[in-house]
Amino acid sequence: MKIRAIVTGSTGMVGEGVMQESLLHPDVEQVLVINRKPCGVSHPKLKEIIHADFFDFSAIESELKGYNACFFCLGVSSVGMKEADYARMTYALTIHVGETLSRLNPDMTLCYVSGSATDGTEKGKVMWARVKGKTENALMRLPFKKAYMFRPGYMQPTKGLKNTLKMYAVVSWLYPLLRAVFPNFVCSLSEVGLAMINCARMGYEKQVLEVRDIVKLAEEE
């Protein structure tokens, strides 16, 4: 199956890495990115829409049809945010986008970047984990062909990309050791992208993917 993917968050580290894997993969024939500012990438497969308001896609809905995968990598840090503000930018925004895309593309597979330790019960003490869990649960109820929740921990960035967070320059040399000692928490950003592509190509037996699932799925041919 040839994949026509929408990628959100491509001006951030995770989205840029997933976009890169999508552009390189032979089974991905088209990539649409929706950004508030240009991503600065040019590629024959790539189309970019600059759109400021992710709570209102009405002006661009016609351009969002005809895609069979969405790799949702858009997100904000919870550091310093009140729960209501974080929930608006994480839960409300994501579900609005999800509702729009599932209505326009009922044959679409959604892959959502959540995070390790996300709280699927929605009742824990950690604010971001509750909000992410609520978001996961709501996405899995939407009428997509299939929806997969990705819960990576530490992601080794892809070399050469421009949106890598500065903190990774300090710790990335430890990657081989971290992977050996914490195999349930550490993977590469490349593996996240490949696993998303393989989810869209052939599915997976679980809807919630932890790090070991991501690594396993990334290796599938």
N, C-alpha and C. Protein backbone atom coordinates (compact mmCIF):
# COMPACT_ATOMS: atom_id res chain seq x y z
N MET A 1 0.84 -1.19 0.00
CA MET A 1 0.00 0.00 0.00
C MET A 1 0.87 1.25 0.00
N LYS A 2 0.59 2.16 -0.89
CA LYS A 2 1.29 3.43 -0.92
C LYS A 2 0.66 4.39 0.09
N ILE A 3 1.51 5.09 0.80
CA ILE A 3 1.06 5.95 1.89
C ILE A 3 1.07 7.40 1.45
N ARG A 4 -0.02 8.07 1.75
CA ARG A 4 -0.13 9.52 1.59
C ARG A 4 -0.37 10.09 2.98
N ALA A 5 0.67 10.70 3.53
CA ALA A 5 0.67 11.03 4.95
C ALA A 5 0.60 12.52 5.22
N ILE A 6 -0.17 12.87 6.22
CA ILE A 6 -0.15 14.21 6.80
C ILE A 6 0.73 14.16 8.03
N VAL A 7 1.69 15.06 8.14
CA VAL A 7 2.58 15.13 9.30
C VAL A 7 2.39 16.48 9.97
N THR A 8 2.08 16.47 11.26
CA THR A 8 1.99 17.72 12.01
C THR A 8 3.23 17.84 12.90
N GLY A 9 3.60 19.08 13.17
CA GLY A 9 4.73 19.32 14.06
C GLY A 9 6.09 19.23 13.41
N SER A 10 6.16 19.40 12.09
CA SER A 10 7.43 19.20 11.39
C SER A 10 8.45 20.31 11.63
N THR A 11 8.06 21.38 12.32
CA THR A 11 9.03 22.40 12.71
C THR A 11 9.60 22.12 14.09
N GLY A 12 9.21 20.99 14.69
CA GLY A 12 9.79 20.54 15.95
C GLY A 12 10.68 19.33 15.71
N MET A 13 11.38 18.89 16.73
CA MET A 13 12.35 17.82 16.58
C MET A 13 11.71 16.51 16.13
N VAL A 14 10.66 16.09 16.81
CA VAL A 14 10.04 14.79 16.50
C VAL A 14 9.37 14.83 15.13
N GLY A 15 8.59 15.85 14.88
CA GLY A 15 7.92 15.95 13.59
C GLY A 15 8.88 16.04 12.42
N GLU A 16 9.98 16.76 12.60
CA GLU A 16 10.97 16.86 11.54
C GLU A 16 11.59 15.49 11.25
N GLY A 17 11.88 14.74 12.33
CA GLY A 17 12.45 13.41 12.13
C GLY A 17 11.49 12.45 11.44
N VAL A 18 10.22 12.50 11.82
CA VAL A 18 9.21 11.65 11.19
C VAL A 18 9.00 12.06 9.73
N MET A 19 8.97 13.35 9.47
CA MET A 19 8.86 13.83 8.09
C MET A 19 10.03 13.32 7.26
N GLN A 20 11.24 13.39 7.82
CA GLN A 20 12.43 12.93 7.10
C GLN A 20 12.32 11.46 6.72
N GLU A 21 11.91 10.61 7.66
CA GLU A 21 11.77 9.19 7.36
C GLU A 21 10.69 8.96 6.30
N SER A 22 9.64 9.75 6.36
CA SER A 22 8.55 9.62 5.38
C SER A 22 9.02 9.99 3.98
N LEU A 23 9.79 11.05 3.87
CA LEU A 23 10.29 11.48 2.56
C LEU A 23 11.26 10.47 1.97
N LEU A 24 11.99 9.76 2.83
CA LEU A 24 12.98 8.79 2.36
C LEU A 24 12.38 7.43 2.03
N HIS A 25 11.21 7.12 2.58
CA HIS A 25 10.67 5.76 2.48
C HIS A 25 10.02 5.53 1.12
N PRO A 26 10.33 4.41 0.46
CA PRO A 26 9.78 4.15 -0.89
C PRO A 26 8.28 3.93 -0.92
N ASP A 27 7.68 3.53 0.21
CA ASP A 27 6.24 3.28 0.22
C ASP A 27 5.42 4.53 0.57
N VAL A 28 6.09 5.63 0.83
CA VAL A 28 5.38 6.90 1.06
C VAL A 28 5.48 7.72 -0.22
N GLU A 29 4.33 7.98 -0.83
CA GLU A 29 4.35 8.67 -2.12
C GLU A 29 4.05 10.16 -2.01
N GLN A 30 3.47 10.58 -0.88
CA GLN A 30 3.17 12.00 -0.72
C GLN A 30 3.16 12.36 0.76
N VAL A 31 3.69 13.52 1.09
CA VAL A 31 3.72 14.01 2.47
C VAL A 31 3.18 15.43 2.49
N LEU A 32 2.18 15.65 3.32
CA LEU A 32 1.65 17.00 3.53
C LEU A 32 2.00 17.43 4.94
N VAL A 33 2.62 18.59 5.08
CA VAL A 33 2.88 19.15 6.41
C VAL A 33 2.05 20.41 6.58
N ILE A 34 1.50 20.56 7.77
CA ILE A 34 0.70 21.74 8.11
C ILE A 34 1.43 22.45 9.23
N ASN A 35 1.87 23.67 8.97
CA ASN A 35 2.68 24.40 9.92
C ASN A 35 2.22 25.83 10.06
N ARG A 36 2.58 26.41 11.19
CA ARG A 36 2.32 27.84 11.39
C ARG A 36 3.41 28.69 10.75
N LYS A 37 4.58 28.08 10.54
CA LYS A 37 5.69 28.77 9.86
C LYS A 37 6.36 27.76 8.94
N PRO A 38 7.04 28.20 7.89
CA PRO A 38 7.64 27.27 6.93
C PRO A 38 8.66 26.35 7.59
N CYS A 39 8.68 25.09 7.15
CA CYS A 39 9.63 24.12 7.70
C CYS A 39 10.99 24.23 7.03
N GLY A 40 11.06 24.89 5.88
CA GLY A 40 12.34 25.10 5.21
C GLY A 40 12.87 23.90 4.45
N VAL A 41 12.00 22.94 4.16
CA VAL A 41 12.42 21.72 3.45
C VAL A 41 11.76 21.70 2.08
N SER A 42 12.53 21.32 1.08
CA SER A 42 12.01 21.17 -0.27
C SER A 42 12.26 19.74 -0.74
N HIS A 43 11.20 19.09 -1.25
CA HIS A 43 11.32 17.70 -1.71
C HIS A 43 10.18 17.42 -2.68
N PRO A 44 10.43 16.59 -3.71
CA PRO A 44 9.36 16.31 -4.69
C PRO A 44 8.09 15.72 -4.07
N LYS A 45 8.23 14.98 -2.97
CA LYS A 45 7.06 14.37 -2.34
C LYS A 45 6.31 15.34 -1.43
N LEU A 46 6.94 16.46 -1.09
CA LEU A 46 6.46 17.30 0.01
C LEU A 46 5.58 18.44 -0.45
N LYS A 47 4.44 18.60 0.25
CA LYS A 47 3.60 19.78 0.10
C LYS A 47 3.43 20.39 1.48
N GLU A 48 3.47 21.71 1.55
CA GLU A 48 3.34 22.40 2.83
C GLU A 48 2.20 23.39 2.79
N ILE A 49 1.39 23.37 3.86
CA ILE A 49 0.34 24.38 4.04
C ILE A 49 0.70 25.21 5.27
N ILE A 50 0.76 26.51 5.10
CA ILE A 50 0.97 27.41 6.23
C ILE A 50 -0.41 27.84 6.73
N HIS A 51 -0.67 27.51 7.99
CA HIS A 51 -2.00 27.77 8.55
C HIS A 51 -1.86 28.10 10.02
N ALA A 52 -2.39 29.23 10.44
CA ALA A 52 -2.15 29.73 11.79
C ALA A 52 -3.03 29.08 12.85
N ASP A 53 -4.28 28.80 12.53
CA ASP A 53 -5.25 28.38 13.55
C ASP A 53 -5.58 26.90 13.42
N PHE A 54 -5.01 26.08 14.29
CA PHE A 54 -5.26 24.64 14.25
C PHE A 54 -6.62 24.29 14.87
N PHE A 55 -7.31 25.26 15.40
CA PHE A 55 -8.67 25.03 15.89
C PHE A 55 -9.71 25.30 14.81
N ASP A 56 -9.29 25.75 13.64
CA ASP A 56 -10.22 26.03 12.55
C ASP A 56 -9.53 25.71 11.23
N PHE A 57 -9.87 24.54 10.68
CA PHE A 57 -9.32 24.10 9.40
C PHE A 57 -10.28 24.35 8.24
N SER A 58 -11.35 25.09 8.47
CA SER A 58 -12.40 25.21 7.46
C SER A 58 -11.86 25.76 6.14
N ALA A 59 -10.88 26.66 6.18
CA ALA A 59 -10.37 27.27 4.96
C ALA A 59 -9.49 26.33 4.15
N ILE A 60 -9.01 25.25 4.78
CA ILE A 60 -8.09 24.35 4.07
C ILE A 60 -8.62 22.91 4.00
N GLU A 61 -9.86 22.69 4.40
CA GLU A 61 -10.39 21.33 4.45
C GLU A 61 -10.27 20.60 3.12
N SER A 62 -10.51 21.29 2.04
CA SER A 62 -10.46 20.62 0.73
C SER A 62 -9.07 20.08 0.42
N GLU A 63 -8.02 20.68 1.01
CA GLU A 63 -6.65 20.25 0.77
C GLU A 63 -6.22 19.10 1.69
N LEU A 64 -7.08 18.74 2.63
CA LEU A 64 -6.75 17.69 3.59
C LEU A 64 -7.35 16.34 3.22
N LYS A 65 -8.08 16.29 2.11
CA LYS A 65 -8.71 15.05 1.69
C LYS A 65 -7.74 14.20 0.85
N GLY A 66 -7.97 12.89 0.87
CA GLY A 66 -7.20 12.01 0.02
C GLY A 66 -5.94 11.45 0.65
N TYR A 67 -5.84 11.55 1.98
CA TYR A 67 -4.68 11.02 2.69
C TYR A 67 -5.10 9.81 3.52
N ASN A 68 -4.20 8.83 3.64
CA ASN A 68 -4.55 7.61 4.38
C ASN A 68 -3.72 7.40 5.64
N ALA A 69 -2.92 8.40 6.02
CA ALA A 69 -2.16 8.32 7.27
C ALA A 69 -1.96 9.71 7.83
N CYS A 70 -1.95 9.80 9.15
CA CYS A 70 -1.58 11.03 9.83
C CYS A 70 -0.56 10.68 10.92
N PHE A 71 0.60 11.32 10.86
CA PHE A 71 1.62 11.16 11.88
C PHE A 71 1.60 12.44 12.71
N PHE A 72 0.94 12.35 13.86
CA PHE A 72 0.66 13.54 14.66
C PHE A 72 1.78 13.74 15.68
N CYS A 73 2.65 14.72 15.41
CA CYS A 73 3.83 14.96 16.24
C CYS A 73 3.81 16.36 16.85
N LEU A 74 2.69 17.02 16.78
CA LEU A 74 2.56 18.37 17.32
C LEU A 74 2.34 18.29 18.82
N GLY A 75 3.06 19.12 19.57
CA GLY A 75 2.87 19.10 21.02
C GLY A 75 3.63 20.23 21.69
N VAL A 76 3.29 20.47 22.95
CA VAL A 76 3.96 21.50 23.74
C VAL A 76 4.44 20.88 25.04
N SER A 77 5.45 21.50 25.63
CA SER A 77 5.93 21.06 26.94
C SER A 77 4.97 21.54 28.01
N SER A 78 4.79 20.73 29.05
CA SER A 78 3.92 21.12 30.17
C SER A 78 4.64 21.98 31.20
N VAL A 79 5.94 22.15 31.03
CA VAL A 79 6.73 22.88 32.03
C VAL A 79 6.22 24.32 32.16
N GLY A 80 5.84 24.70 33.37
CA GLY A 80 5.38 26.05 33.64
C GLY A 80 3.96 26.34 33.22
N MET A 81 3.23 25.34 32.72
CA MET A 81 1.87 25.57 32.25
C MET A 81 0.84 25.11 33.27
N LYS A 82 -0.25 25.85 33.38
CA LYS A 82 -1.38 25.41 34.18
C LYS A 82 -2.11 24.30 33.43
N GLU A 83 -2.81 23.45 34.17
CA GLU A 83 -3.45 22.30 33.54
C GLU A 83 -4.45 22.72 32.47
N ALA A 84 -5.22 23.77 32.71
CA ALA A 84 -6.23 24.19 31.72
C ALA A 84 -5.57 24.61 30.41
N ASP A 85 -4.46 25.33 30.50
CA ASP A 85 -3.76 25.77 29.30
C ASP A 85 -3.11 24.59 28.57
N TYR A 86 -2.50 23.70 29.35
CA TYR A 86 -1.88 22.53 28.73
C TYR A 86 -2.93 21.64 28.08
N ALA A 87 -4.06 21.46 28.73
CA ALA A 87 -5.13 20.64 28.18
C ALA A 87 -5.70 21.24 26.89
N ARG A 88 -5.77 22.55 26.83
CA ARG A 88 -6.27 23.18 25.60
C ARG A 88 -5.33 22.91 24.43
N MET A 89 -4.02 23.04 24.67
CA MET A 89 -3.05 22.89 23.59
C MET A 89 -2.73 21.43 23.29
N THR A 90 -3.03 20.54 24.22
CA THR A 90 -2.74 19.11 24.02
C THR A 90 -4.00 18.32 23.69
N TYR A 91 -4.96 18.35 24.59
CA TYR A 91 -6.19 17.57 24.37
C TYR A 91 -7.11 18.23 23.34
N ALA A 92 -7.54 19.46 23.62
CA ALA A 92 -8.56 20.09 22.77
C ALA A 92 -8.08 20.26 21.33
N LEU A 93 -6.86 20.74 21.15
CA LEU A 93 -6.34 20.94 19.80
C LEU A 93 -6.21 19.62 19.05
N THR A 94 -5.63 18.63 19.71
CA THR A 94 -5.43 17.33 19.06
C THR A 94 -6.75 16.69 18.65
N ILE A 95 -7.72 16.73 19.54
CA ILE A 95 -9.01 16.10 19.23
C ILE A 95 -9.72 16.86 18.12
N HIS A 96 -9.61 18.18 18.11
CA HIS A 96 -10.22 18.94 17.01
C HIS A 96 -9.62 18.53 15.67
N VAL A 97 -8.29 18.45 15.61
CA VAL A 97 -7.63 18.02 14.37
C VAL A 97 -8.05 16.59 14.02
N GLY A 98 -8.08 15.71 15.03
CA GLY A 98 -8.46 14.32 14.81
C GLY A 98 -9.88 14.18 14.29
N GLU A 99 -10.80 14.95 14.85
CA GLU A 99 -12.19 14.90 14.38
C GLU A 99 -12.29 15.35 12.92
N THR A 100 -11.55 16.38 12.58
CA THR A 100 -11.58 16.88 11.21
C THR A 100 -11.02 15.86 10.23
N LEU A 101 -9.85 15.31 10.55
CA LEU A 101 -9.21 14.38 9.62
C LEU A 101 -9.97 13.06 9.50
N SER A 102 -10.53 12.56 10.59
CA SER A 102 -11.28 11.31 10.52
C SER A 102 -12.58 11.49 9.73
N ARG A 103 -13.14 12.68 9.76
CA ARG A 103 -14.34 12.95 8.96
C ARG A 103 -14.00 13.04 7.48
N LEU A 104 -12.89 13.67 7.16
CA LEU A 104 -12.50 13.86 5.76
C LEU A 104 -11.89 12.61 5.15
N ASN A 105 -11.25 11.78 5.98
CA ASN A 105 -10.51 10.61 5.49
C ASN A 105 -10.83 9.39 6.36
N PRO A 106 -11.99 8.78 6.20
CA PRO A 106 -12.37 7.65 7.06
C PRO A 106 -11.46 6.44 6.91
N ASP A 107 -10.65 6.38 5.86
CA ASP A 107 -9.74 5.26 5.67
C ASP A 107 -8.34 5.57 6.22
N MET A 108 -8.26 6.58 7.08
CA MET A 108 -6.97 7.06 7.58
C MET A 108 -6.53 6.29 8.82
N THR A 109 -5.21 6.01 8.90
CA THR A 109 -4.58 5.48 10.10
C THR A 109 -3.86 6.63 10.80
N LEU A 110 -4.15 6.80 12.08
CA LEU A 110 -3.54 7.86 12.88
C LEU A 110 -2.45 7.28 13.78
N CYS A 111 -1.30 7.92 13.80
CA CYS A 111 -0.23 7.59 14.75
C CYS A 111 0.07 8.85 15.55
N TYR A 112 -0.14 8.78 16.86
CA TYR A 112 -0.04 9.95 17.73
C TYR A 112 1.13 9.79 18.68
N VAL A 113 2.02 10.79 18.72
CA VAL A 113 3.15 10.77 19.65
C VAL A 113 2.68 11.25 21.01
N SER A 114 2.66 10.33 21.94
CA SER A 114 2.27 10.62 23.31
C SER A 114 3.55 10.69 24.15
N GLY A 115 3.78 9.74 25.01
CA GLY A 115 5.01 9.75 25.79
C GLY A 115 5.04 8.62 26.79
N SER A 116 6.23 8.17 27.13
CA SER A 116 6.38 7.14 28.14
C SER A 116 5.79 7.62 29.46
N ALA A 117 5.12 6.74 30.15
CA ALA A 117 4.47 7.02 31.45
C ALA A 117 3.17 7.79 31.32
N THR A 118 2.63 7.87 30.11
CA THR A 118 1.30 8.44 29.93
C THR A 118 0.29 7.66 30.75
N ASP A 119 -0.66 8.36 31.37
CA ASP A 119 -1.62 7.75 32.30
C ASP A 119 -2.95 7.49 31.60
N GLY A 120 -3.12 6.26 31.14
CA GLY A 120 -4.35 5.91 30.44
C GLY A 120 -5.58 5.87 31.33
N THR A 121 -5.39 5.84 32.65
CA THR A 121 -6.55 5.87 33.56
C THR A 121 -7.12 7.28 33.70
N GLU A 122 -6.32 8.28 33.35
CA GLU A 122 -6.68 9.70 33.45
C GLU A 122 -6.86 10.15 34.89
N LYS A 123 -6.38 9.38 35.87
CA LYS A 123 -6.65 9.68 37.29
C LYS A 123 -5.39 9.87 38.13
N GLY A 124 -4.22 9.77 37.52
CA GLY A 124 -2.98 9.87 38.28
C GLY A 124 -2.68 11.28 38.77
N LYS A 125 -1.60 11.40 39.52
CA LYS A 125 -1.22 12.69 40.12
C LYS A 125 -0.43 13.58 39.17
N VAL A 126 0.16 13.01 38.12
CA VAL A 126 1.01 13.78 37.22
C VAL A 126 0.14 14.42 36.13
N MET A 127 0.14 15.75 36.11
CA MET A 127 -0.79 16.48 35.24
C MET A 127 -0.63 16.13 33.77
N TRP A 128 0.60 16.21 33.25
CA TRP A 128 0.78 15.99 31.81
C TRP A 128 0.38 14.57 31.43
N ALA A 129 0.66 13.61 32.32
CA ALA A 129 0.36 12.21 32.02
C ALA A 129 -1.15 11.98 31.96
N ARG A 130 -1.90 12.64 32.84
CA ARG A 130 -3.36 12.55 32.80
C ARG A 130 -3.91 13.12 31.50
N VAL A 131 -3.42 14.30 31.12
CA VAL A 131 -3.91 14.96 29.92
C VAL A 131 -3.58 14.14 28.68
N LYS A 132 -2.35 13.63 28.62
CA LYS A 132 -1.97 12.78 27.49
C LYS A 132 -2.83 11.52 27.45
N GLY A 133 -3.11 10.94 28.60
CA GLY A 133 -3.95 9.74 28.65
C GLY A 133 -5.36 10.02 28.16
N LYS A 134 -5.91 11.15 28.57
CA LYS A 134 -7.24 11.54 28.11
C LYS A 134 -7.24 11.74 26.60
N THR A 135 -6.16 12.31 26.08
CA THR A 135 -6.05 12.54 24.64
C THR A 135 -5.97 11.22 23.89
N GLU A 136 -5.13 10.31 24.38
CA GLU A 136 -5.04 8.98 23.77
C GLU A 136 -6.41 8.31 23.71
N ASN A 137 -7.10 8.28 24.83
CA ASN A 137 -8.38 7.57 24.90
C ASN A 137 -9.40 8.17 23.94
N ALA A 138 -9.41 9.49 23.85
CA ALA A 138 -10.36 10.14 22.94
C ALA A 138 -10.02 9.87 21.48
N LEU A 139 -8.74 9.87 21.15
CA LEU A 139 -8.33 9.58 19.77
C LEU A 139 -8.73 8.16 19.36
N MET A 140 -8.60 7.22 20.27
CA MET A 140 -8.95 5.83 19.95
C MET A 140 -10.44 5.62 19.77
N ARG A 141 -11.24 6.60 20.20
CA ARG A 141 -12.69 6.51 20.00
C ARG A 141 -13.14 7.16 18.70
N LEU A 142 -12.28 7.91 18.06
CA LEU A 142 -12.65 8.57 16.81
C LEU A 142 -12.73 7.55 15.67
N PRO A 143 -13.50 7.86 14.63
CA PRO A 143 -13.76 6.87 13.57
C PRO A 143 -12.64 6.78 12.52
N PHE A 144 -11.39 6.68 12.96
CA PHE A 144 -10.30 6.37 12.05
C PHE A 144 -10.35 4.90 11.67
N LYS A 145 -9.70 4.55 10.58
CA LYS A 145 -9.53 3.14 10.25
C LYS A 145 -8.83 2.44 11.40
N LYS A 146 -7.80 3.08 11.94
CA LYS A 146 -7.08 2.59 13.11
C LYS A 146 -6.34 3.76 13.74
N ALA A 147 -6.18 3.74 15.05
CA ALA A 147 -5.44 4.79 15.75
C ALA A 147 -4.43 4.14 16.68
N TYR A 148 -3.19 4.58 16.60
CA TYR A 148 -2.10 4.01 17.40
C TYR A 148 -1.47 5.11 18.25
N MET A 149 -1.24 4.79 19.51
CA MET A 149 -0.65 5.73 20.44
C MET A 149 0.81 5.34 20.68
N PHE A 150 1.73 6.21 20.34
CA PHE A 150 3.16 5.96 20.50
C PHE A 150 3.65 6.59 21.79
N ARG A 151 4.33 5.77 22.61
CA ARG A 151 4.83 6.25 23.89
C ARG A 151 6.35 6.13 23.98
N PRO A 152 7.07 6.93 23.21
CA PRO A 152 8.53 6.88 23.31
C PRO A 152 9.02 7.54 24.59
N GLY A 153 10.23 7.18 25.00
CA GLY A 153 10.89 7.85 26.11
C GLY A 153 11.96 8.76 25.53
N TYR A 154 13.21 8.44 25.82
CA TYR A 154 14.31 9.18 25.21
C TYR A 154 14.41 8.77 23.75
N MET A 155 14.49 9.77 22.85
CA MET A 155 14.63 9.50 21.43
C MET A 155 15.96 10.08 20.94
N GLN A 156 16.85 9.22 20.46
CA GLN A 156 18.10 9.71 19.91
C GLN A 156 17.81 10.46 18.61
N PRO A 157 18.18 11.74 18.54
CA PRO A 157 17.83 12.51 17.34
C PRO A 157 18.54 12.04 16.09
N THR A 158 17.95 12.35 14.96
CA THR A 158 18.53 12.03 13.67
C THR A 158 19.59 13.07 13.33
N LYS A 159 20.77 12.64 12.94
CA LYS A 159 21.85 13.57 12.62
C LYS A 159 21.49 14.44 11.42
N GLY A 160 21.90 15.69 11.51
CA GLY A 160 21.75 16.59 10.38
C GLY A 160 20.47 17.39 10.34
N LEU A 161 19.53 17.10 11.24
CA LEU A 161 18.28 17.86 11.24
C LEU A 161 18.43 19.12 12.09
N LYS A 162 17.68 20.15 11.74
CA LYS A 162 17.94 21.47 12.32
C LYS A 162 17.12 21.78 13.58
N ASN A 163 16.11 20.98 13.88
CA ASN A 163 15.25 21.29 15.02
C ASN A 163 15.54 20.44 16.25
N THR A 164 16.71 19.82 16.29
CA THR A 164 17.09 19.02 17.45
C THR A 164 17.25 19.93 18.67
N LEU A 165 16.64 19.55 19.77
CA LEU A 165 16.73 20.34 20.99
C LEU A 165 18.16 20.36 21.50
N LYS A 166 18.58 21.49 22.06
CA LYS A 166 19.97 21.68 22.48
C LYS A 166 20.40 20.67 23.54
N MET A 167 19.47 20.28 24.40
CA MET A 167 19.83 19.34 25.47
C MET A 167 20.39 18.03 24.93
N TYR A 168 19.96 17.65 23.71
CA TYR A 168 20.41 16.38 23.15
C TYR A 168 21.88 16.40 22.78
N ALA A 169 22.41 17.59 22.50
CA ALA A 169 23.84 17.69 22.20
C ALA A 169 24.69 17.33 23.41
N VAL A 170 24.12 17.51 24.58
CA VAL A 170 24.84 17.23 25.83
C VAL A 170 24.83 15.75 26.16
N VAL A 171 23.72 15.06 25.85
CA VAL A 171 23.55 13.68 26.31
C VAL A 171 23.59 12.63 25.20
N SER A 172 23.58 13.06 23.94
CA SER A 172 23.45 12.07 22.86
C SER A 172 24.63 11.11 22.77
N TRP A 173 25.80 11.54 23.25
CA TRP A 173 26.95 10.63 23.20
C TRP A 173 26.76 9.43 24.13
N LEU A 174 25.82 9.54 25.07
CA LEU A 174 25.54 8.45 26.00
C LEU A 174 24.55 7.44 25.43
N TYR A 175 24.07 7.69 24.22
CA TYR A 175 22.99 6.87 23.67
C TYR A 175 23.27 5.36 23.71
N PRO A 176 24.43 4.88 23.26
CA PRO A 176 24.64 3.42 23.31
C PRO A 176 24.52 2.85 24.72
N LEU A 177 25.03 3.58 25.70
CA LEU A 177 24.94 3.11 27.08
C LEU A 177 23.50 3.15 27.58
N LEU A 178 22.80 4.25 27.30
CA LEU A 178 21.42 4.38 27.74
C LEU A 178 20.55 3.29 27.13
N ARG A 179 20.79 2.98 25.87
CA ARG A 179 19.99 1.95 25.20
C ARG A 179 20.25 0.58 25.82
N ALA A 180 21.49 0.32 26.18
CA ALA A 180 21.83 -0.97 26.77
C ALA A 180 21.25 -1.11 28.17
N VAL A 181 21.28 -0.03 28.93
CA VAL A 181 20.84 -0.09 30.33
C VAL A 181 19.33 0.09 30.47
N PHE A 182 18.74 0.90 29.59
CA PHE A 182 17.30 1.20 29.68
C PHE A 182 16.59 0.87 28.36
N PRO A 183 16.56 -0.39 27.97
CA PRO A 183 15.98 -0.74 26.66
C PRO A 183 14.48 -0.47 26.57
N ASN A 184 13.81 -0.34 27.71
CA ASN A 184 12.37 -0.06 27.70
C ASN A 184 12.06 1.43 27.64
N PHE A 185 13.11 2.24 27.59
CA PHE A 185 12.91 3.69 27.65
C PHE A 185 13.59 4.42 26.50
N VAL A 186 14.50 3.76 25.80
CA VAL A 186 15.35 4.45 24.83
C VAL A 186 15.17 3.86 23.43
N CYS A 187 14.98 4.73 22.45
CA CYS A 187 14.96 4.34 21.05
C CYS A 187 15.49 5.52 20.24
N SER A 188 15.49 5.39 18.94
CA SER A 188 15.92 6.50 18.09
C SER A 188 14.71 7.16 17.44
N LEU A 189 14.87 8.42 17.08
CA LEU A 189 13.81 9.12 16.38
C LEU A 189 13.53 8.47 15.02
N SER A 190 14.58 7.96 14.40
CA SER A 190 14.41 7.24 13.14
C SER A 190 13.48 6.04 13.32
N GLU A 191 13.65 5.31 14.43
CA GLU A 191 12.79 4.15 14.69
C GLU A 191 11.34 4.57 14.90
N VAL A 192 11.12 5.71 15.53
CA VAL A 192 9.75 6.20 15.71
C VAL A 192 9.11 6.45 14.34
N GLY A 193 9.84 7.13 13.45
CA GLY A 193 9.30 7.40 12.13
C GLY A 193 9.02 6.14 11.34
N LEU A 194 9.96 5.20 11.35
CA LEU A 194 9.78 3.95 10.62
C LEU A 194 8.62 3.14 11.19
N ALA A 195 8.48 3.12 12.51
CA ALA A 195 7.38 2.38 13.13
C ALA A 195 6.03 2.99 12.73
N MET A 196 5.95 4.30 12.65
CA MET A 196 4.71 4.94 12.21
C MET A 196 4.38 4.55 10.78
N ILE A 197 5.38 4.58 9.92
CA ILE A 197 5.16 4.19 8.52
C ILE A 197 4.68 2.75 8.45
N ASN A 198 5.29 1.86 9.22
CA ASN A 198 4.90 0.45 9.19
C ASN A 198 3.52 0.23 9.80
N CYS A 199 3.14 1.04 10.77
CA CYS A 199 1.77 0.98 11.29
C CYS A 199 0.78 1.29 10.18
N ALA A 200 1.07 2.33 9.40
CA ALA A 200 0.17 2.70 8.31
C ALA A 200 0.17 1.64 7.21
N ARG A 201 1.32 1.00 6.98
CA ARG A 201 1.43 -0.02 5.93
C ARG A 201 0.70 -1.30 6.28
N MET A 202 0.89 -1.79 7.52
CA MET A 202 0.40 -3.14 7.82
C MET A 202 -0.21 -3.30 9.21
N GLY A 203 -0.32 -2.21 9.96
CA GLY A 203 -0.95 -2.30 11.27
C GLY A 203 -0.04 -2.90 12.32
N TYR A 204 -0.60 -3.06 13.52
CA TYR A 204 0.13 -3.65 14.64
C TYR A 204 -0.90 -4.24 15.60
N GLU A 205 -0.46 -5.23 16.37
CA GLU A 205 -1.43 -5.94 17.23
C GLU A 205 -1.87 -5.14 18.45
N LYS A 206 -1.13 -4.07 18.79
CA LYS A 206 -1.50 -3.24 19.93
C LYS A 206 -1.80 -1.83 19.45
N GLN A 207 -2.74 -1.18 20.14
CA GLN A 207 -3.01 0.22 19.82
C GLN A 207 -2.10 1.17 20.58
N VAL A 208 -1.62 0.74 21.72
CA VAL A 208 -0.70 1.56 22.52
C VAL A 208 0.68 0.93 22.43
N LEU A 209 1.64 1.67 21.86
CA LEU A 209 2.96 1.14 21.60
C LEU A 209 3.98 1.74 22.57
N GLU A 210 4.57 0.88 23.38
CA GLU A 210 5.67 1.30 24.24
C GLU A 210 6.97 1.20 23.44
N VAL A 211 8.09 1.53 24.08
CA VAL A 211 9.36 1.62 23.37
C VAL A 211 9.73 0.30 22.68
N ARG A 212 9.57 -0.83 23.37
CA ARG A 212 9.92 -2.12 22.75
C ARG A 212 9.06 -2.40 21.52
N ASP A 213 7.80 -1.98 21.56
CA ASP A 213 6.93 -2.15 20.39
C ASP A 213 7.41 -1.28 19.23
N ILE A 214 7.81 -0.06 19.54
CA ILE A 214 8.30 0.85 18.52
C ILE A 214 9.53 0.29 17.83
N VAL A 215 10.48 -0.21 18.64
CA VAL A 215 11.71 -0.78 18.07
C VAL A 215 11.39 -2.00 17.22
N LYS A 216 10.52 -2.86 17.71
CA LYS A 216 10.14 -4.07 16.97
C LYS A 216 9.49 -3.71 15.65
N LEU A 217 8.56 -2.80 15.67
CA LEU A 217 7.81 -2.44 14.46
C LEU A 217 8.71 -1.73 13.44
N ALA A 218 9.68 -0.97 13.93
CA ALA A 218 10.59 -0.27 13.02
C ALA A 218 11.40 -1.22 12.19
N GLU A 219 11.60 -2.45 12.68
CA GLU A 219 12.44 -3.44 11.99
C GLU A 219 11.66 -4.24 10.95
N GLU A 220 10.33 -4.09 10.94
CA GLU A 220 9.52 -4.88 10.01
C GLU A 220 9.75 -4.43 8.57
N GLU A 221 9.71 -5.38 7.66
CA GLU A 221 9.87 -5.07 6.24
C GLU A 221 8.50 -5.11 5.53
